[in-house]
Amino acid sequence: MQVKINGKPEEVLGGTVMDLLKAKNIDPHMVAVELNDAMVERDHLGTTPVKEGDALEFLFYMGGGR
């Protein structure tokens, strides 16, 4: 199915947000997920379905600076 991830169209298999993170080798503890302009609570990643046409934003936690 077709979804947008960080503004780019991608073809993904159906499933949950957690399934998508696993398929992309993304550690769920290192990312915040927004689905259709709403934040997904970390404990709902495994139960929130991803559907055709959804827009996801992956916001990665990064350290750095001085």
PDB file of N, CA and C in Angstrom:
ATOM      1  N   MET A   1       0.845  -1.181   0.000  1.00  0.00           N
ATOM      2  CA  MET A   1       0.000   0.000   0.000  1.00  0.00           C
ATOM      3  C   MET A   1       0.880   1.231   0.000  1.00  0.00           C
ATOM      4  N   GLN A   2       0.331   2.337  -0.455  1.00  0.00           N
ATOM      5  CA  GLN A   2       1.070   3.590  -0.579  1.00  0.00           C
ATOM      6  C   GLN A   2       0.808   4.475   0.638  1.00  0.00           C
ATOM      7  N   VAL A   3       1.898   4.937   1.268  1.00  0.00           N
ATOM      8  CA  VAL A   3       1.823   5.902   2.366  1.00  0.00           C
ATOM      9  C   VAL A   3       2.902   6.957   2.126  1.00  0.00           C
ATOM     10  N   LYS A   4       2.876   8.016   2.922  1.00  0.00           N
ATOM     11  CA  LYS A   4       3.955   9.007   2.883  1.00  0.00           C
ATOM     12  C   LYS A   4       4.711   8.920   4.193  1.00  0.00           C
ATOM     13  N   ILE A   5       6.025   8.838   4.096  1.00  0.00           N
ATOM     14  CA  ILE A   5       6.882   8.824   5.279  1.00  0.00           C
ATOM     15  C   ILE A   5       7.834  10.000   5.164  1.00  0.00           C
ATOM     16  N   ASN A   6       7.748  10.898   6.126  1.00  0.00           N
ATOM     17  CA  ASN A   6       8.545  12.130   6.123  1.00  0.00           C
ATOM     18  C   ASN A   6       8.430  12.853   4.779  1.00  0.00           C
ATOM     19  N   GLY A   7       7.192  12.889   4.256  1.00  0.00           N
ATOM     20  CA  GLY A   7       6.906  13.637   3.040  1.00  0.00           C
ATOM     21  C   GLY A   7       7.177  12.914   1.738  1.00  0.00           C
ATOM     22  N   LYS A   8       7.726  11.693   1.792  1.00  0.00           N
ATOM     23  CA  LYS A   8       8.056  10.960   0.573  1.00  0.00           C
ATOM     24  C   LYS A   8       7.140   9.746   0.424  1.00  0.00           C
ATOM     25  N   PRO A   9       6.583   9.534  -0.772  1.00  0.00           N
ATOM     26  CA  PRO A   9       5.733   8.357  -0.974  1.00  0.00           C
ATOM     27  C   PRO A   9       6.550   7.069  -0.876  1.00  0.00           C
ATOM     28  N   GLU A  10       5.981   6.080  -0.191  1.00  0.00           N
ATOM     29  CA  GLU A  10       6.638   4.777  -0.069  1.00  0.00           C
ATOM     30  C   GLU A  10       5.599   3.680  -0.166  1.00  0.00           C
ATOM     31  N   GLU A  11       6.009   2.555  -0.710  1.00  0.00           N
ATOM     32  CA  GLU A  11       5.171   1.370  -0.774  1.00  0.00           C
ATOM     33  C   GLU A  11       5.547   0.492   0.424  1.00  0.00           C
ATOM     34  N   VAL A  12       4.567   0.182   1.277  1.00  0.00           N
ATOM     35  CA  VAL A  12       4.827  -0.624   2.475  1.00  0.00           C
ATOM     36  C   VAL A  12       3.776  -1.721   2.587  1.00  0.00           C
ATOM     37  N   LEU A  13       4.094  -2.725   3.387  1.00  0.00           N
ATOM     38  CA  LEU A  13       3.124  -3.760   3.695  1.00  0.00           C
ATOM     39  C   LEU A  13       2.172  -3.237   4.757  1.00  0.00           C
ATOM     40  N   GLY A  14       0.986  -3.789   4.824  1.00  0.00           N
ATOM     41  CA  GLY A  14       0.037  -3.400   5.863  1.00  0.00           C
ATOM     42  C   GLY A  14       0.526  -3.820   7.232  1.00  0.00           C
ATOM     43  N   GLY A  15      -0.137  -3.368   8.251  1.00  0.00           N
ATOM     44  CA  GLY A  15       0.218  -3.717   9.621  1.00  0.00           C
ATOM     45  C   GLY A  15       0.088  -2.518  10.526  1.00  0.00           C
ATOM     46  N   THR A  16       0.842  -2.567  11.605  1.00  0.00           N
ATOM     47  CA  THR A  16       0.803  -1.500  12.594  1.00  0.00           C
ATOM     48  C   THR A  16       2.008  -0.574  12.427  1.00  0.00           C
ATOM     49  N   VAL A  17       1.992   0.512  13.171  1.00  0.00           N
ATOM     50  CA  VAL A  17       3.138   1.416  13.167  1.00  0.00           C
ATOM     51  C   VAL A  17       4.391   0.662  13.616  1.00  0.00           C
ATOM     52  N   MET A  18       4.260  -0.188  14.637  1.00  0.00           N
ATOM     53  CA  MET A  18       5.413  -0.967  15.112  1.00  0.00           C
ATOM     54  C   MET A  18       5.936  -1.891  14.017  1.00  0.00           C
ATOM     55  N   ASP A  19       5.047  -2.528  13.264  1.00  0.00           N
ATOM     56  CA  ASP A  19       5.473  -3.387  12.150  1.00  0.00           C
ATOM     57  C   ASP A  19       6.296  -2.588  11.142  1.00  0.00           C
ATOM     58  N   LEU A  20       5.865  -1.369  10.856  1.00  0.00           N
ATOM     59  CA  LEU A  20       6.578  -0.518   9.910  1.00  0.00           C
ATOM     60  C   LEU A  20       7.951  -0.127  10.458  1.00  0.00           C
ATOM     61  N   LEU A  21       8.011   0.225  11.734  1.00  0.00           N
ATOM     62  CA  LEU A  21       9.303   0.562  12.341  1.00  0.00           C
ATOM     63  C   LEU A  21      10.263  -0.620  12.267  1.00  0.00           C
ATOM     64  N   LYS A  22       9.773  -1.811  12.566  1.00  0.00           N
ATOM     65  CA  LYS A  22      10.614  -3.017  12.505  1.00  0.00           C
ATOM     66  C   LYS A  22      11.095  -3.273  11.082  1.00  0.00           C
ATOM     67  N   ALA A  23      10.205  -3.124  10.104  1.00  0.00           N
ATOM     68  CA  ALA A  23      10.563  -3.350   8.705  1.00  0.00           C
ATOM     69  C   ALA A  23      11.647  -2.382   8.240  1.00  0.00           C
ATOM     70  N   LYS A  24      11.654  -1.173   8.823  1.00  0.00           N
ATOM     71  CA  LYS A  24      12.648  -0.172   8.454  1.00  0.00           C
ATOM     72  C   LYS A  24      13.851  -0.161   9.401  1.00  0.00           C
ATOM     73  N   ASN A  25      13.907  -1.141  10.310  1.00  0.00           N
ATOM     74  CA  ASN A  25      15.006  -1.257  11.283  1.00  0.00           C
ATOM     75  C   ASN A  25      15.177   0.009  12.121  1.00  0.00           C
ATOM     76  N   ILE A  26      14.054   0.551  12.584  1.00  0.00           N
ATOM     77  CA  ILE A  26      14.067   1.749  13.430  1.00  0.00           C
ATOM     78  C   ILE A  26      13.721   1.334  14.855  1.00  0.00           C
ATOM     79  N   ASP A  27      14.589   1.694  15.791  1.00  0.00           N
ATOM     80  CA  ASP A  27      14.364   1.407  17.205  1.00  0.00           C
ATOM     81  C   ASP A  27      13.233   2.311  17.713  1.00  0.00           C
ATOM     82  N   PRO A  28      12.123   1.721  18.181  1.00  0.00           N
ATOM     83  CA  PRO A  28      10.993   2.543  18.629  1.00  0.00           C
ATOM     84  C   PRO A  28      11.312   3.448  19.811  1.00  0.00           C
ATOM     85  N   HIS A  29      12.408   3.185  20.507  1.00  0.00           N
ATOM     86  CA  HIS A  29      12.798   4.041  21.636  1.00  0.00           C
ATOM     87  C   HIS A  29      13.553   5.286  21.187  1.00  0.00           C
ATOM     88  N   MET A  30      13.939   5.311  19.903  1.00  0.00           N
ATOM     89  CA  MET A  30      14.738   6.426  19.394  1.00  0.00           C
ATOM     90  C   MET A  30      13.960   7.331  18.440  1.00  0.00           C
ATOM     91  N   VAL A  31      12.628   7.145  18.393  1.00  0.00           N
ATOM     92  CA  VAL A  31      11.836   7.916  17.439  1.00  0.00           C
ATOM     93  C   VAL A  31      10.471   8.240  18.045  1.00  0.00           C
ATOM     94  N   ALA A  32       9.972   9.407  17.700  1.00  0.00           N
ATOM     95  CA  ALA A  32       8.575   9.748  17.983  1.00  0.00           C
ATOM     96  C   ALA A  32       7.846   9.644  16.649  1.00  0.00           C
ATOM     97  N   VAL A  33       6.601   9.178  16.679  1.00  0.00           N
ATOM     98  CA  VAL A  33       5.858   8.961  15.439  1.00  0.00           C
ATOM     99  C   VAL A  33       4.601   9.817  15.426  1.00  0.00           C
ATOM    100  N   GLU A  34       4.432  10.509  14.316  1.00  0.00           N
ATOM    101  CA  GLU A  34       3.226  11.286  14.087  1.00  0.00           C
ATOM    102  C   GLU A  34       2.493  10.615  12.927  1.00  0.00           C
ATOM    103  N   LEU A  35       1.221  10.336  13.118  1.00  0.00           N
ATOM    104  CA  LEU A  35       0.396   9.693  12.090  1.00  0.00           C
ATOM    105  C   LEU A  35      -0.760  10.624  11.757  1.00  0.00           C
ATOM    106  N   ASN A  36      -0.789  11.095  10.523  1.00  0.00           N
ATOM    107  CA  ASN A  36      -1.842  12.019  10.083  1.00  0.00           C
ATOM    108  C   ASN A  36      -1.997  13.199  11.045  1.00  0.00           C
ATOM    109  N   ASP A  37      -0.862  13.825  11.378  1.00  0.00           N
ATOM    110  CA  ASP A  37      -0.801  15.035  12.217  1.00  0.00           C
ATOM    111  C   ASP A  37      -1.128  14.813  13.687  1.00  0.00           C
ATOM    112  N   ALA A  38      -1.167  13.564  14.146  1.00  0.00           N
ATOM    113  CA  ALA A  38      -1.407  13.273  15.569  1.00  0.00           C
ATOM    114  C   ALA A  38      -0.274  12.386  16.086  1.00  0.00           C
ATOM    115  N   MET A  39       0.255  12.746  17.247  1.00  0.00           N
ATOM    116  CA  MET A  39       1.316  11.928  17.842  1.00  0.00           C
ATOM    117  C   MET A  39       0.745  10.576  18.273  1.00  0.00           C
ATOM    118  N   VAL A  40       1.531   9.523  18.048  1.00  0.00           N
ATOM    119  CA  VAL A  40       1.139   8.177  18.478  1.00  0.00           C
ATOM    120  C   VAL A  40       1.890   7.887  19.774  1.00  0.00           C
ATOM    121  N   GLU A  41       1.153   7.589  20.830  1.00  0.00           N
ATOM    122  CA  GLU A  41       1.789   7.243  22.109  1.00  0.00           C
ATOM    123  C   GLU A  41       2.632   5.982  21.923  1.00  0.00           C
ATOM    124  N   ARG A  42       3.776   5.942  22.567  1.00  0.00           N
ATOM    125  CA  ARG A  42       4.701   4.812  22.422  1.00  0.00           C
ATOM    126  C   ARG A  42       4.026   3.476  22.734  1.00  0.00           C
ATOM    127  N   ASP A  43       3.156   3.439  23.745  1.00  0.00           N
ATOM    128  CA  ASP A  43       2.520   2.169  24.096  1.00  0.00           C
ATOM    129  C   ASP A  43       1.384   1.796  23.145  1.00  0.00           C
ATOM    130  N   HIS A  44       1.098   2.644  22.135  1.00  0.00           N
ATOM    131  CA  HIS A  44       0.088   2.323  21.124  1.00  0.00           C
ATOM    132  C   HIS A  44       0.697   1.996  19.763  1.00  0.00           C
ATOM    133  N   LEU A  45       2.026   2.007  19.652  1.00  0.00           N
ATOM    134  CA  LEU A  45       2.669   1.734  18.369  1.00  0.00           C
ATOM    135  C   LEU A  45       2.287   0.360  17.822  1.00  0.00           C
ATOM    136  N   GLY A  46       2.162  -0.621  18.700  1.00  0.00           N
ATOM    137  CA  GLY A  46       1.850  -1.989  18.277  1.00  0.00           C
ATOM    138  C   GLY A  46       0.390  -2.229  17.969  1.00  0.00           C
ATOM    139  N   THR A  47      -0.482  -1.273  18.280  1.00  0.00           N
ATOM    140  CA  THR A  47      -1.916  -1.465  18.044  1.00  0.00           C
ATOM    141  C   THR A  47      -2.501  -0.440  17.076  1.00  0.00           C
ATOM    142  N   THR A  48      -1.686   0.518  16.646  1.00  0.00           N
ATOM    143  CA  THR A  48      -2.165   1.553  15.723  1.00  0.00           C
ATOM    144  C   THR A  48      -1.933   1.094  14.288  1.00  0.00           C
ATOM    145  N   PRO A  49      -3.012   0.869  13.529  1.00  0.00           N
ATOM    146  CA  PRO A  49      -2.841   0.390  12.153  1.00  0.00           C
ATOM    147  C   PRO A  49      -2.369   1.493  11.211  1.00  0.00           C
ATOM    148  N   VAL A  50      -1.622   1.080  10.201  1.00  0.00           N
ATOM    149  CA  VAL A  50      -1.226   1.968   9.112  1.00  0.00           C
ATOM    150  C   VAL A  50      -2.119   1.614   7.930  1.00  0.00           C
ATOM    151  N   LYS A  51      -2.747   2.640   7.343  1.00  0.00           N
ATOM    152  CA  LYS A  51      -3.701   2.419   6.255  1.00  0.00           C
ATOM    153  C   LYS A  51      -3.250   3.129   4.987  1.00  0.00           C
ATOM    154  N   GLU A  52      -3.783   2.684   3.877  1.00  0.00           N
ATOM    155  CA  GLU A  52      -3.518   3.295   2.576  1.00  0.00           C
ATOM    156  C   GLU A  52      -3.715   4.807   2.656  1.00  0.00           C
ATOM    157  N   GLY A  53      -2.717   5.560   2.163  1.00  0.00           N
ATOM    158  CA  GLY A  53      -2.820   7.015   2.116  1.00  0.00           C
ATOM    159  C   GLY A  53      -2.405   7.731   3.380  1.00  0.00           C
ATOM    160  N   ASP A  54      -2.047   6.992   4.449  1.00  0.00           N
ATOM    161  CA  ASP A  54      -1.624   7.631   5.692  1.00  0.00           C
ATOM    162  C   ASP A  54      -0.338   8.425   5.481  1.00  0.00           C
ATOM    163  N   ALA A  55      -0.163   9.455   6.305  1.00  0.00           N
ATOM    164  CA  ALA A  55       1.059  10.259   6.310  1.00  0.00           C
ATOM    165  C   ALA A  55       1.719  10.085   7.671  1.00  0.00           C
ATOM    166  N   LEU A  56       2.950   9.603   7.657  1.00  0.00           N
ATOM    167  CA  LEU A  56       3.708   9.394   8.889  1.00  0.00           C
ATOM    168  C   LEU A  56       4.925  10.297   8.907  1.00  0.00           C
ATOM    169  N   GLU A  57       5.242  10.782  10.080  1.00  0.00           N
ATOM    170  CA  GLU A  57       6.480  11.533  10.297  1.00  0.00           C
ATOM    171  C   GLU A  57       7.248  10.821  11.395  1.00  0.00           C
ATOM    172  N   PHE A  58       8.504  10.501  11.120  1.00  0.00           N
ATOM    173  CA  PHE A  58       9.382   9.900  12.119  1.00  0.00           C
ATOM    174  C   PHE A  58      10.319  11.006  12.613  1.00  0.00           C
ATOM    175  N   LEU A  59      10.248  11.290  13.898  1.00  0.00           N
ATOM    176  CA  LEU A  59      11.054  12.344  14.509  1.00  0.00           C
ATOM    177  C   LEU A  59      12.096  11.676  15.390  1.00  0.00           C
ATOM    178  N   PHE A  60      13.345  11.744  14.964  1.00  0.00           N
ATOM    179  CA  PHE A  60      14.417  11.022  15.646  1.00  0.00           C
ATOM    180  C   PHE A  60      15.047  11.861  16.751  1.00  0.00           C
ATOM    181  N   TYR A  61      15.330  11.198  17.855  1.00  0.00           N
ATOM    182  CA  TYR A  61      16.035  11.846  18.967  1.00  0.00           C
ATOM    183  C   TYR A  61      17.524  11.836  18.643  1.00  0.00           C
ATOM    184  N   MET A  62      18.152  13.007  18.755  1.00  0.00           N
ATOM    185  CA  MET A  62      19.560  13.103  18.450  1.00  0.00           C
ATOM    186  C   MET A  62      20.259  13.912  19.532  1.00  0.00           C
ATOM    187  N   GLY A  63      21.429  13.488  19.858  1.00  0.00           N
ATOM    188  CA  GLY A  63      22.252  14.251  20.792  1.00  0.00           C
ATOM    189  C   GLY A  63      23.256  15.067  20.026  1.00  0.00           C
ATOM    190  N   GLY A  64      23.903  15.928  20.717  1.00  0.00           N
ATOM    191  CA  GLY A  64      24.934  16.701  20.045  1.00  0.00           C
ATOM    192  C   GLY A  64      25.069  18.066  20.678  1.00  0.00           C
ATOM    193  N   GLY A  65      25.795  18.876  19.992  1.00  0.00           N
ATOM    194  CA  GLY A  65      26.033  20.224  20.486  1.00  0.00           C
ATOM    195  C   GLY A  65      27.311  20.282  21.291  1.00  0.00           C
ATOM    196  N   ARG A  66      27.481  21.393  21.948  1.00  0.00           N
ATOM    197  CA  ARG A  66      28.695  21.567  22.758  1.00  0.00           C
ATOM    198  C   ARG A  66      28.321  21.767  24.191  1.00  0.00           C
TER     199      ARG A  66
END
